[in-house]
N, C-alpha and C. Protein backbone atom coordinates (compact mmCIF):
# COMPACT_ATOMS: atom_id res chain seq x y z
N MET A 1 0.79 -1.02 0.08
CA MET A 1 0.13 -0.14 -0.18
C MET A 1 0.84 1.25 0.01
N ASN A 2 1.90 1.23 0.91
CA ASN A 2 2.97 2.60 1.12
C ASN A 2 3.50 2.63 -0.50
N THR A 3 3.59 1.81 -1.06
CA THR A 3 4.35 1.77 -2.56
C THR A 3 3.66 2.49 -3.48
N LYS A 4 2.26 1.87 -3.33
CA LYS A 4 0.94 2.63 -4.52
C LYS A 4 0.91 4.22 -3.93
N LEU A 5 1.00 4.30 -2.60
CA LEU A 5 0.76 5.64 -2.18
C LEU A 5 1.95 6.70 -2.67
N LEU A 6 3.24 5.88 -2.60
CA LEU A 6 4.11 6.85 -2.98
C LEU A 6 4.29 6.78 -4.45
N PHE A 7 3.93 6.21 -4.98
CA PHE A 7 3.99 6.05 -6.86
C PHE A 7 3.04 7.23 -7.09
N PHE A 8 1.76 7.11 -6.35
CA PHE A 8 0.84 8.14 -6.47
C PHE A 8 1.22 9.58 -6.30
N TYR A 9 1.83 9.80 -5.17
CA TYR A 9 2.63 11.35 -5.02
C TYR A 9 3.64 11.59 -5.92
N VAL A 10 4.48 10.99 -6.17
CA VAL A 10 5.68 11.10 -7.09
C VAL A 10 5.00 11.44 -8.56
N PHE A 11 3.95 10.62 -8.76
CA PHE A 11 3.34 10.87 -10.01
C PHE A 11 2.46 12.32 -10.10
N ALA A 12 2.00 12.46 -9.04
CA ALA A 12 1.34 13.94 -8.87
C ALA A 12 2.03 15.09 -8.87
N PHE A 13 3.06 14.67 -8.20
CA PHE A 13 4.36 15.86 -8.10
C PHE A 13 4.79 15.91 -9.56
N ALA A 14 4.94 14.90 -10.08
CA ALA A 14 5.73 15.29 -11.43
C ALA A 14 4.69 15.59 -12.66
N THR A 15 3.43 15.42 -12.53
CA THR A 15 2.31 16.28 -13.67
C THR A 15 2.17 17.52 -12.87
N LEU A 16 2.34 17.94 -11.81
CA LEU A 16 2.43 19.30 -11.22
C LEU A 16 3.50 20.21 -11.68
N LEU A 17 4.30 19.59 -11.71
CA LEU A 17 5.83 20.23 -12.28
C LEU A 17 5.61 20.53 -13.64
N HIS A 18 5.08 19.28 -14.54
CA HIS A 18 5.15 19.46 -15.92
C HIS A 18 3.88 20.51 -16.12
N ALA A 19 3.10 20.51 -15.65
CA ALA A 19 1.80 21.97 -15.76
C ALA A 19 2.53 23.08 -15.52
N GLN A 20 3.36 23.13 -14.62
CA GLN A 20 3.73 24.44 -14.30
C GLN A 20 4.56 24.94 -15.60
N LYS A 21 5.30 24.02 -16.19
CA LYS A 21 6.19 24.53 -17.20
C LYS A 21 5.74 25.13 -18.24
N PRO A 22 4.43 24.82 -19.05
CA PRO A 22 4.15 25.48 -19.82
C PRO A 22 3.72 26.94 -19.56
N SER A 23 3.05 27.04 -18.50
CA SER A 23 2.62 28.28 -18.00
C SER A 23 3.59 29.03 -17.72
N GLU A 24 5.01 28.70 -17.27
CA GLU A 24 5.94 29.61 -16.94
C GLU A 24 6.71 29.87 -18.37
N LEU A 25 6.45 29.08 -19.26
CA LEU A 25 6.94 29.48 -20.63
C LEU A 25 5.93 30.27 -21.39
N LYS A 26 4.72 30.06 -21.04
CA LYS A 26 3.81 31.30 -21.44
C LYS A 26 3.93 32.65 -21.14
N THR A 27 4.10 32.51 -19.79
CA THR A 27 4.50 33.76 -18.97
C THR A 27 5.55 34.52 -19.65
N ALA A 28 6.59 34.13 -19.96
CA ALA A 28 8.00 34.46 -20.31
C ALA A 28 7.62 34.78 -21.85
N ARG A 29 6.67 34.05 -22.61
CA ARG A 29 6.72 34.85 -23.88
C ARG A 29 5.84 35.92 -24.00
N ILE A 30 4.68 35.95 -23.05
CA ILE A 30 3.70 37.05 -22.88
C ILE A 30 4.60 38.04 -22.52
N LYS A 31 5.53 38.19 -21.41
CA LYS A 31 6.52 39.34 -21.09
C LYS A 31 7.47 39.77 -22.32
N THR A 32 7.68 38.74 -23.02
CA THR A 32 8.62 39.18 -24.58
C THR A 32 7.68 39.95 -25.51
N LEU A 33 6.67 39.24 -25.44
CA LEU A 33 5.36 40.08 -26.43
C LEU A 33 5.16 41.43 -26.00
N LEU A 34 5.09 41.89 -24.32
CA LEU A 34 4.73 42.88 -23.97
C LEU A 34 5.86 44.32 -23.99
N GLU A 35 7.03 43.31 -24.02
CA GLU A 35 8.30 44.31 -24.17
C GLU A 35 8.54 44.66 -25.33
N LEU A 36 8.15 43.59 -26.17
CA LEU A 36 8.49 43.94 -27.74
C LEU A 36 7.41 44.92 -28.28
N THR A 37 6.39 45.19 -27.98
CA THR A 37 5.55 46.06 -28.26
C THR A 37 5.44 47.40 -27.34
N GLY A 38 6.14 47.32 -26.24
CA GLY A 38 6.16 48.60 -25.31
C GLY A 38 5.21 49.01 -24.43
N SER A 39 4.24 47.60 -24.29
CA SER A 39 2.85 47.99 -23.47
C SER A 39 3.14 48.50 -22.31
N GLY A 40 4.12 48.23 -21.59
CA GLY A 40 4.34 49.05 -19.92
C GLY A 40 4.62 50.31 -20.30
N ASN A 41 5.78 50.21 -21.33
CA ASN A 41 6.13 51.81 -21.39
C ASN A 41 4.99 52.72 -22.14
N LEU A 42 4.04 52.47 -22.95
CA LEU A 42 3.00 53.17 -23.17
C LEU A 42 1.99 53.12 -21.95
N GLY A 43 1.80 52.17 -21.09
CA GLY A 43 0.89 52.59 -20.06
C GLY A 43 1.77 53.68 -19.10
N VAL A 44 2.89 53.75 -18.98
CA VAL A 44 3.53 54.73 -18.15
C VAL A 44 3.38 56.12 -18.57
N GLN A 45 3.45 56.14 -20.37
CA GLN A 45 3.14 57.17 -21.10
C GLN A 45 1.51 57.95 -20.97
N VAL A 46 1.03 56.97 -20.78
CA VAL A 46 -0.40 57.34 -20.38
C VAL A 46 -0.90 58.09 -18.89
N ALA A 47 0.00 57.30 -18.00
CA ALA A 47 -0.03 57.78 -16.55
C ALA A 47 0.50 59.29 -16.57
N GLN A 48 1.71 59.44 -17.01
CA GLN A 48 2.45 60.83 -17.17
C GLN A 48 1.07 61.79 -17.95
N ASN A 49 0.50 61.57 -18.71
CA ASN A 49 -0.29 62.10 -19.34
C ASN A 49 -1.51 62.54 -18.66
N MET A 50 -1.82 61.83 -17.61
CA MET A 50 -2.82 61.64 -16.63
C MET A 50 -2.23 62.89 -15.33
N ILE A 51 -0.65 62.76 -14.97
CA ILE A 51 -0.33 63.27 -14.08
C ILE A 51 -0.40 64.89 -14.84
N ALA A 52 0.12 65.03 -15.90
CA ALA A 52 -0.10 66.36 -16.52
C ALA A 52 -1.65 67.04 -16.25
N LEU A 53 -2.42 66.27 -16.63
CA LEU A 53 -3.92 66.90 -16.15
C LEU A 53 -4.42 67.21 -14.97
N TYR A 54 -3.69 66.27 -13.79
CA TYR A 54 -3.94 66.75 -12.65
C TYR A 54 -3.10 67.92 -12.38
N GLN A 55 -1.85 67.96 -12.95
CA GLN A 55 -1.16 69.26 -12.49
C GLN A 55 -2.03 70.23 -13.08
N LYS A 56 -2.33 70.40 -14.03
CA LYS A 56 -3.49 71.57 -14.57
C LYS A 56 -4.52 71.86 -13.58
N THR A 57 -5.22 70.52 -12.96
CA THR A 57 -6.38 71.03 -12.14
C THR A 57 -5.88 71.28 -10.72
N TYR A 58 -4.93 70.82 -10.10
CA TYR A 58 -4.36 71.22 -8.78
C TYR A 58 -3.21 71.77 -8.99
N THR A 59 -3.28 73.17 -9.08
CA THR A 59 -2.10 74.35 -9.30
C THR A 59 -1.29 74.61 -7.98
N LYS A 60 -2.15 74.31 -7.07
CA LYS A 60 -1.34 74.78 -5.78
C LYS A 60 -0.49 73.22 -5.24
N VAL A 61 -0.48 72.46 -5.99
CA VAL A 61 0.47 71.30 -5.45
C VAL A 61 1.99 71.36 -6.18
N GLU A 62 2.68 71.48 -5.21
CA GLU A 62 4.34 71.40 -5.75
C GLU A 62 4.72 70.63 -6.73
N PRO A 63 5.35 71.13 -7.83
CA PRO A 63 5.89 70.44 -8.66
C PRO A 63 6.62 69.36 -8.43
N GLN A 64 7.37 69.42 -7.29
CA GLN A 64 8.39 68.08 -6.57
C GLN A 64 7.29 66.95 -6.26
N PHE A 65 5.98 67.29 -5.57
CA PHE A 65 5.15 66.35 -5.55
C PHE A 65 4.50 65.20 -6.69
N TRP A 66 4.65 65.97 -7.91
CA TRP A 66 4.35 65.60 -9.02
C TRP A 66 5.43 64.66 -9.63
N GLU A 67 6.74 64.94 -9.31
CA GLU A 67 8.00 64.40 -9.91
C GLU A 67 8.35 63.24 -8.98
N ASP A 68 7.96 63.21 -7.81
CA ASP A 68 7.86 62.02 -7.04
C ASP A 68 7.20 60.92 -7.58
N PHE A 69 5.88 61.30 -7.57
CA PHE A 69 4.86 60.50 -8.00
C PHE A 69 5.14 59.82 -8.88
N ALA A 70 5.49 60.52 -10.02
CA ALA A 70 5.92 59.94 -11.33
C ALA A 70 6.95 58.90 -11.46
N LYS A 71 7.86 58.90 -10.25
CA LYS A 71 8.72 58.32 -10.41
C LYS A 71 8.56 56.62 -9.60
N GLU A 72 6.95 56.67 -9.14
CA GLU A 72 6.66 55.87 -8.40
C GLU A 72 5.94 54.69 -9.74
N ILE A 73 5.47 55.45 -10.93
CA ILE A 73 5.11 54.59 -11.98
C ILE A 73 6.16 53.67 -12.63
N LYS A 74 5.73 52.33 -12.73
CA LYS A 74 6.95 51.69 -13.00
C LYS A 74 6.08 50.75 -14.28
N ALA A 75 6.57 50.35 -15.37
CA ALA A 75 6.23 49.65 -16.54
C ALA A 75 5.91 48.20 -15.90
N GLU A 76 6.82 47.71 -15.20
CA GLU A 76 6.63 46.43 -14.85
C GLU A 76 5.43 45.97 -14.05
N ASP A 77 5.00 47.01 -13.31
CA ASP A 77 3.81 46.65 -12.52
C ASP A 77 2.31 46.60 -13.47
N LEU A 78 2.56 47.18 -14.62
CA LEU A 78 1.53 47.24 -15.16
C LEU A 78 1.64 45.89 -16.19
N VAL A 79 2.90 45.75 -16.45
CA VAL A 79 2.94 44.38 -17.46
C VAL A 79 2.68 42.92 -16.54
N ASN A 80 2.87 43.25 -15.17
CA ASN A 80 2.17 42.14 -14.45
C ASN A 80 0.96 41.98 -14.23
N LEU A 81 -0.03 43.12 -14.39
CA LEU A 81 -1.25 43.39 -14.49
C LEU A 81 -1.96 42.68 -15.50
N ILE A 82 -1.18 42.63 -16.95
CA ILE A 82 -1.63 42.39 -17.88
C ILE A 82 -1.33 40.85 -18.46
N ILE A 83 -0.50 40.43 -17.64
CA ILE A 83 -0.12 39.06 -17.86
C ILE A 83 -1.08 38.01 -17.93
N PRO A 84 -1.90 38.20 -16.77
CA PRO A 84 -2.89 36.95 -16.56
C PRO A 84 -4.26 37.05 -17.52
N ILE A 85 -4.39 38.46 -18.36
CA ILE A 85 -5.22 39.08 -19.08
C ILE A 85 -4.96 38.00 -20.34
N TYR A 86 -3.72 38.34 -20.72
CA TYR A 86 -3.10 37.79 -21.97
C TYR A 86 -3.19 36.11 -22.20
N ASP A 87 -2.80 35.66 -20.87
CA ASP A 87 -2.99 34.29 -20.76
C ASP A 87 -4.36 33.69 -20.81
N ALA A 88 -5.47 34.34 -19.99
CA ALA A 88 -6.70 33.92 -20.09
C ALA A 88 -7.27 33.80 -21.37
N HIS A 89 -6.67 34.50 -22.80
CA HIS A 89 -7.31 35.38 -23.78
C HIS A 89 -6.66 34.50 -24.88
N TYR A 90 -5.48 34.22 -24.88
CA TYR A 90 -4.28 33.68 -25.81
C TYR A 90 -3.62 32.29 -25.51
N THR A 91 -3.55 31.73 -26.52
CA THR A 91 -2.79 30.45 -26.45
C THR A 91 -1.49 30.83 -26.57
N ILE A 92 -0.50 29.78 -26.23
CA ILE A 92 1.16 30.28 -26.45
C ILE A 92 1.36 30.54 -28.03
N GLU A 93 0.50 29.47 -28.70
CA GLU A 93 0.67 29.47 -30.57
C GLU A 93 0.57 31.10 -30.55
N ASP A 94 -0.75 31.67 -30.10
CA ASP A 94 -1.13 32.93 -30.57
C ASP A 94 -0.17 33.91 -30.02
N ILE A 95 0.17 33.79 -29.13
CA ILE A 95 1.38 34.67 -28.31
C ILE A 95 2.60 34.75 -29.53
N ASN A 96 3.19 33.34 -29.64
CA ASN A 96 4.33 33.13 -30.51
C ASN A 96 3.81 33.92 -31.89
N ALA A 97 2.95 33.87 -32.59
CA ALA A 97 2.37 34.42 -33.87
C ALA A 97 2.56 35.82 -33.72
N MET A 98 1.91 36.67 -32.56
CA MET A 98 2.32 37.77 -32.71
C MET A 98 3.47 38.35 -32.35
N ILE A 99 4.20 37.49 -31.74
CA ILE A 99 6.02 37.92 -31.51
C ILE A 99 6.49 37.84 -32.74
N ASP A 100 5.85 36.87 -33.63
CA ASP A 100 6.78 36.90 -34.99
C ASP A 100 6.06 37.94 -36.01
N PHE A 101 4.88 38.42 -35.51
CA PHE A 101 4.48 39.50 -36.64
C PHE A 101 5.09 40.85 -36.19
N TYR A 102 5.20 41.02 -34.57
CA TYR A 102 5.96 42.22 -34.22
C TYR A 102 7.14 42.43 -34.61
N GLN A 103 7.92 41.41 -35.10
CA GLN A 103 9.31 41.30 -35.51
C GLN A 103 9.45 41.63 -37.04
N THR A 104 8.09 41.79 -37.83
CA THR A 104 8.55 41.99 -39.44
C THR A 104 8.26 43.37 -39.25
N PRO A 105 8.70 43.84 -40.61
CA PRO A 105 8.79 45.50 -40.82
C PRO A 105 7.31 46.11 -40.54
N VAL A 106 6.50 45.53 -40.91
CA VAL A 106 5.16 46.22 -40.67
C VAL A 106 4.67 46.01 -39.20
N GLY A 107 5.14 45.19 -38.36
CA GLY A 107 4.92 45.10 -37.11
C GLY A 107 5.81 46.24 -36.29
N LYS A 108 6.88 46.12 -36.64
CA LYS A 108 7.57 47.23 -36.09
C LYS A 108 7.70 48.56 -36.40
N LYS A 109 6.72 48.77 -37.42
CA LYS A 109 6.35 50.06 -37.98
C LYS A 109 5.02 50.39 -36.84
N MET A 110 4.51 49.39 -36.85
CA MET A 110 3.19 49.60 -35.94
C MET A 110 3.38 49.70 -34.35
N ILE A 111 4.57 49.21 -34.23
CA ILE A 111 5.07 49.66 -32.63
C ILE A 111 5.57 50.82 -32.54
N GLN A 112 6.45 51.10 -33.63
CA GLN A 112 7.06 52.68 -33.53
C GLN A 112 5.73 53.78 -33.54
N ASN A 113 4.99 53.51 -34.26
CA ASN A 113 3.81 54.82 -34.61
C ASN A 113 2.87 54.43 -33.02
N MET A 114 2.43 53.51 -32.48
CA MET A 114 1.90 53.13 -31.52
C MET A 114 1.65 54.12 -30.63
N PRO A 115 2.74 54.87 -29.98
CA PRO A 115 2.47 55.88 -28.95
C PRO A 115 2.02 56.98 -29.19
N GLN A 116 2.13 57.47 -30.81
CA GLN A 116 1.92 58.74 -31.49
C GLN A 116 0.24 58.38 -31.57
N ILE A 117 -0.04 57.46 -32.12
CA ILE A 117 -1.48 56.66 -32.45
C ILE A 117 -2.28 56.74 -31.38
N SER A 118 -1.66 56.01 -30.10
CA SER A 118 -2.66 56.12 -28.98
C SER A 118 -2.65 57.53 -28.33
N GLN A 119 -1.86 58.57 -28.27
CA GLN A 119 -2.00 59.69 -28.04
C GLN A 119 -3.20 60.85 -28.74
N GLU A 120 -3.08 60.50 -30.21
CA GLU A 120 -3.96 60.93 -30.93
C GLU A 120 -5.66 60.35 -30.64
N SER A 121 -5.26 59.16 -30.48
CA SER A 121 -6.45 58.41 -30.30
C SER A 121 -7.32 58.71 -29.08
N MET A 122 -6.32 59.17 -27.96
CA MET A 122 -6.84 59.51 -26.35
C MET A 122 -7.47 61.07 -27.01
N GLN A 123 -6.68 61.92 -27.80
CA GLN A 123 -7.31 63.03 -27.59
C GLN A 123 -8.74 63.20 -28.57
N ALA A 124 -8.87 62.13 -29.48
CA ALA A 124 -9.93 62.09 -30.74
C ALA A 124 -11.02 61.60 -29.51
N GLY A 125 -10.90 60.57 -28.53
CA GLY A 125 -11.73 60.14 -27.65
C GLY A 125 -12.37 61.21 -26.88
N GLN A 126 -11.35 61.92 -26.47
CA GLN A 126 -11.77 63.33 -25.61
C GLN A 126 -12.58 64.19 -26.21
N VAL A 127 -12.37 64.36 -27.72
CA VAL A 127 -13.16 65.47 -28.33
C VAL A 127 -14.80 64.61 -28.48
N TRP A 128 -14.64 63.33 -28.60
CA TRP A 128 -16.12 62.65 -29.17
C TRP A 128 -16.64 62.70 -27.88
N GLY A 129 -16.13 62.09 -26.62
CA GLY A 129 -16.80 62.12 -25.61
C GLY A 129 -17.27 63.46 -24.98
N LYS A 130 -16.68 64.58 -25.21
CA LYS A 130 -17.02 65.94 -25.00
C LYS A 130 -18.39 66.06 -26.04
N GLU A 131 -18.15 65.92 -27.21
CA GLU A 131 -19.62 65.70 -28.09
C GLU A 131 -20.79 65.03 -27.74
N ILE A 132 -20.66 63.97 -27.08
CA ILE A 132 -21.54 62.96 -26.75
C ILE A 132 -22.08 63.77 -25.42
N GLY A 133 -21.32 64.18 -24.68
CA GLY A 133 -21.76 64.83 -23.28
C GLY A 133 -22.83 66.07 -23.58
N GLU A 134 -22.10 66.76 -24.67
CA GLU A 134 -22.88 68.32 -24.94
C GLU A 134 -24.25 67.92 -25.57
N LYS A 135 -24.32 66.90 -26.62
CA LYS A 135 -25.55 66.37 -27.11
C LYS A 135 -26.72 65.93 -26.12
N VAL A 136 -26.06 65.09 -25.11
CA VAL A 136 -26.86 64.74 -24.20
C VAL A 136 -27.89 65.85 -23.34
N MET A 137 -27.00 66.92 -23.18
CA MET A 137 -27.17 67.84 -22.48
C MET A 137 -28.20 68.74 -23.03
N ARG A 138 -28.01 68.97 -24.61
CA ARG A 138 -28.88 69.49 -25.36
C ARG A 138 -30.40 68.91 -25.48
N LYS A 139 -30.33 67.27 -25.51
CA LYS A 139 -31.57 66.78 -25.71
C LYS A 139 -32.09 66.71 -24.09
N LEU A 140 -31.42 66.46 -23.19
CA LEU A 140 -31.98 66.63 -21.91
C LEU A 140 -32.90 68.23 -21.61
N LYS A 141 -32.33 69.05 -21.90
CA LYS A 141 -32.99 70.69 -21.99
C LYS A 141 -33.96 70.56 -22.86
N GLN A 142 -33.96 70.19 -24.13
CA GLN A 142 -35.11 70.09 -25.23
C GLN A 142 -36.34 69.40 -24.78
N LYS A 143 -36.05 68.10 -23.82
CA LYS A 143 -37.15 67.57 -23.13
C LYS A 143 -37.33 67.90 -21.88
N GLY A 144 -36.87 68.91 -21.15
CA GLY A 144 -37.14 69.55 -20.42
C GLY A 144 -36.51 69.07 -19.35
N TYR A 145 -35.68 68.27 -18.87
CA TYR A 145 -35.43 67.58 -18.00
C TYR A 145 -34.00 68.26 -17.24
N TYR A 146 -33.54 69.41 -18.04
CA TYR A 146 -32.64 70.22 -17.48
C TYR A 146 -32.95 71.68 -17.49
């Protein structure tokens, strides 16, 4: 009986170790993809833009506060939050295919242009959101709700 139990534990442990390796490999590949695309750095850029907006709103706050706060923002923190999302939605084959794509000339161009495209898209989204807000207010006023 003890031999069977020992065999079971060894088999279960070996299976557990084997099951973790693809996850570790996938995590490493996801990190490679995110580094390749600059996702973490792009997130830091977005955070810096948010800080700039806060600076305009909270003008009495000393500039040193914002500089110190910006130093606390780390790309790897965002990457660690994103890894489980990619893991849930993509297979290792998907991740590898994306890495392959981003290493092509058009993929590299996409990565190169992504920060500017993201910034311009965010500005377009702000304009669009403002227009929607104004439209809602006009319609509410027309209907007598405002």
